[in-house]
Amino acid sequence: MKCNRSSLAVAVLVGVLGAGACSGPEDAGPPRLRVEVIGSSPHDPRAFTQGLEVVDGVRYESTGMWGVSTARAFDQRTGAETARVALPGRLFGEGMTRAGSIVWQLTWQDGFAIARDPITLAETGRADYAGEGWGLCAQPHRLVMSDGTGTLTFRDPVTFAQIGSVELSGFKGAKPNELDCAEDGTVYANNFPTDEILHIDPQTGAVLAVIDASGLLTPDERKGTDVLNGIAHLPGTDRFLLTGKYWPRMFEVRFVGD
């Protein structure tokens, strides 16, 4: 709330008691949630996971690192791998999403996205962009992309041209990494390099909630792994898949309050 001279005088008195007259509910920051684990399944511990998404019964996963980056597809029901393509040369794979008949896969510092066939994952084209590529997800009429900053960029799902952007607000230190576009129009983002997930309103950039996803792996399982990275909403449910870079397990979870 706004402070005038009268409220400032009261603030001096209340400040002695450890409270501020000009404080409001917004000072507490976004609501805090936690994960409730429903189950888990094996995950390739050699996969440096950069993108994760489930569309029409297919789980798409992008992996990174120089010389070993891949695009992968799995039958979500059985877990069977149905397609895998290696990125050429020393390209570093990043986020990946399906937009209609195109699967888009980002590269980190190579300056272009790769368009792929949604079944075979064969490359069908490329589109240039400025800056780094981190996370990517698809809404009905646009793509949402992260680049290592507190800005989300909107892109045309066919041409990949930039069509807008929004700055995140309401949470200090937001650094969205892998992204998931949920059915309700909001976006979930792994907050690099933490075990937090940010729930974001992409229209305003407001961080709606912060989800604590720490403790999913045991201390022994966490050895040799990298950060939490990979979040995929399971369509038609209140559940999500979570995993990380070099993680040996993938988790099915809900986001709940205390």
Foldseek 3Di string as FASTA:
>chain_A
DDDDPVQVVVQVVVVVVVDGSPDDPLVVFAAEWEKDFPDKDFDALQFQWAEWEADPQKIWTWGFFFPATKIWIARNVPRHTQEMDGDPHGWTWHAWEDQVQWIWIFTFQPFKIFTAGPRHRDTDDIAGDDATWFEWYDDNAWIWTFHQDQKIWTAGPPRRHTDDIEGADRDPQAGFGYWEQDPVRWIWGDRPQAQKIFIANRVHNYGNYIYRHPPPDDPVQCPPFGGWHYWYDDPPDQWIWTDRGSGGMITIIHIGHD
